Each structure stands twice: as structure tokens, then as C-alpha cells.
Amino acid sequence: MAEFSDPENVYLKSRIIAYEYYRKDEKSLDLVLKQACMVLVLDDTKKVWKKHKLNLIHVQKYVYFDSRDKSIVSLSSLNTDEDEITGKLVIILKILQLIQRLFFNPKS
């Protein structure tokens, strides 16, 4: 997913901590080697970020492949794919780029 979102490795720079590093009911920034105020979290589950709510950017669950849960319609079953202009991942990347620009160059 990171390669798709940031193919030139400019913004994410392989700084992704995946689900398997956490308990199911709680996630934290304990694995991050930076101060919490320097970290943004993108997650589709709010309730697991009890200690770091201010760092969370809540995103809609991204479901490309079919699921056992028939109430969830996947992008593949709709015969759609991630669009380079209006796709969810592209929009998230644009938001992260804006946040980075404002953080590092607040006068621009």
C-alpha cells in the first residue's frame, strides 16, 4: 500500500507500522521513535487509539477485495479500481502532502 501511495518514497519513507504489531483492542505510539506530537496516524478504527486521539486521522475503511461480510461491497466486486485523481488513497496522500507542507513551511 505504501508503494502505491508514495511510489517515490518522498512522504512515507517506509515509516509505516502495520496492524500485526499491535493488540486487537488498543494501538499506541510506543513503537514510534519520535515524539507523539510529530506523528500522524491514519486508521479506519477510532476506538483503538485511546491514548493518541489527537494524532489520528480517521479514514474510511478501504475494501478492495471481497469479504465474508456480505454487507460490505468491495471495489473489486464493483469493477472499480483506485482512480489516480479521485481515489481514496490519492485523496489521503494529497491531505498528507498538505499537512507536511504546512508543518515544514508554515508561511508558504
Protein backbone atom coordinates (compact mmCIF):
# COMPACT_ATOMS: atom_id res chain seq x y z
CA MET A 1 0.00 0.00 0.00
CA ALA A 2 2.84 2.39 0.83
CA GLU A 3 4.45 1.84 -2.57
CA PHE A 4 1.16 2.75 -4.26
CA SER A 5 0.56 5.82 -2.11
CA ASP A 6 4.12 7.13 -2.26
CA PRO A 7 5.98 5.42 -5.13
CA GLU A 8 8.96 7.79 -4.96
CA ASN A 9 9.26 7.33 -1.19
CA VAL A 10 9.13 11.06 -0.53
CA TYR A 11 6.44 11.32 2.14
CA LEU A 12 6.12 7.99 3.91
CA LYS A 13 9.76 6.88 3.66
CA SER A 14 8.87 3.36 4.85
CA ARG A 15 7.65 4.71 8.17
CA ILE A 16 4.58 2.53 8.37
CA ILE A 17 3.78 0.43 11.39
CA ALA A 18 1.35 -2.32 10.48
CA TYR A 19 -1.55 -3.93 12.30
CA GLU A 20 0.34 -7.07 13.28
CA TYR A 21 2.48 -5.08 15.75
CA TYR A 22 -0.49 -4.31 18.00
CA ARG A 23 -3.10 -5.90 20.21
CA LYS A 24 -6.57 -6.03 18.69
CA ASP A 25 -8.19 -3.68 21.20
CA GLU A 26 -5.54 -0.97 21.50
CA LYS A 27 -2.84 0.69 19.44
CA SER A 28 -0.29 3.22 20.62
CA LEU A 29 2.73 5.17 19.51
CA ASP A 30 5.07 3.18 21.77
CA LEU A 31 6.84 1.69 18.73
CA VAL A 32 7.49 5.08 17.20
CA LEU A 33 10.91 6.60 17.79
CA LYS A 34 9.62 10.18 17.62
CA GLN A 35 7.70 12.42 19.97
CA ALA A 36 3.96 11.83 19.71
CA CYS A 37 3.39 15.42 18.57
CA MET A 38 5.44 14.63 15.42
CA VAL A 39 3.33 11.62 14.37
CA LEU A 40 0.15 11.31 12.33
CA VAL A 41 -1.86 8.13 12.39
CA LEU A 42 -4.19 7.05 9.60
CA ASP A 43 -6.57 4.34 10.70
CA ASP A 44 -10.10 3.19 9.99
CA THR A 45 -10.73 2.25 13.65
CA LYS A 46 -11.05 5.13 16.11
CA LYS A 47 -11.64 3.13 19.27
CA VAL A 48 -8.17 1.53 19.35
CA TRP A 49 -6.36 4.90 19.63
CA LYS A 50 -7.48 5.76 23.16
CA LYS A 51 -4.15 7.33 24.18
CA HIS A 52 -3.45 9.18 20.94
CA LYS A 53 -6.76 10.52 19.65
CA LEU A 54 -5.20 13.84 18.67
CA ASN A 55 -2.77 12.08 16.32
CA LEU A 56 -5.49 10.18 14.49
CA ILE A 57 -6.79 10.96 11.05
CA HIS A 58 -9.79 8.69 10.80
CA VAL A 59 -10.18 7.28 7.30
CA GLN A 60 -12.93 5.22 5.75
CA LYS A 61 -12.20 1.50 5.59
CA TYR A 62 -10.61 0.63 2.26
CA VAL A 63 -12.09 -2.60 0.95
CA TYR A 64 -10.75 -3.71 -2.40
CA PHE A 65 -11.21 -7.48 -2.13
CA ASP A 66 -14.42 -9.33 -1.34
CA SER A 67 -15.12 -10.02 2.30
CA ARG A 68 -17.04 -12.67 4.20
CA ASP A 69 -19.25 -9.84 5.40
CA LYS A 70 -21.79 -9.53 2.60
CA SER A 71 -22.91 -6.10 3.85
CA ILE A 72 -19.57 -4.66 2.70
CA VAL A 73 -19.30 -4.05 -1.03
CA SER A 74 -15.74 -4.29 -2.30
CA LEU A 75 -14.24 -2.17 -5.06
CA SER A 76 -13.37 -5.32 -7.00
CA SER A 77 -16.98 -6.51 -6.98
CA LEU A 78 -17.99 -3.11 -8.35
CA ASN A 79 -15.35 -3.50 -11.09
CA THR A 80 -13.72 -0.28 -9.99
CA ASP A 81 -10.18 0.42 -9.01
CA GLU A 82 -8.25 3.17 -7.32
CA ASP A 83 -8.55 6.23 -9.56
CA GLU A 84 -5.43 8.40 -9.97
CA ILE A 85 -7.40 11.61 -9.42
CA THR A 86 -10.38 10.88 -7.19
CA GLY A 87 -9.43 7.60 -5.50
CA LYS A 88 -9.47 7.35 -1.70
CA LEU A 89 -5.75 6.69 -1.45
CA VAL A 90 -4.90 9.61 -3.73
CA ILE A 91 -7.07 11.95 -1.65
CA ILE A 92 -5.39 10.76 1.56
CA LEU A 93 -1.96 11.31 0.01
CA LYS A 94 -2.93 14.88 -1.01
CA ILE A 95 -4.06 15.60 2.56
CA LEU A 96 -0.78 14.25 3.95
CA GLN A 97 1.20 16.32 1.45
CA LEU A 98 -0.69 19.44 2.54
CA ILE A 99 -0.11 18.69 6.22
CA GLN A 100 3.60 18.14 5.59
CA ARG A 101 3.90 21.37 3.62
CA LEU A 102 2.09 23.37 6.31
CA PHE A 103 4.15 21.79 9.08
CA PHE A 104 7.57 22.30 7.50
CA ASN A 105 6.81 25.54 5.60
CA PRO A 106 4.03 27.29 7.54
CA LYS A 107 4.48 30.58 5.62
CA SER A 108 4.03 29.05 2.16
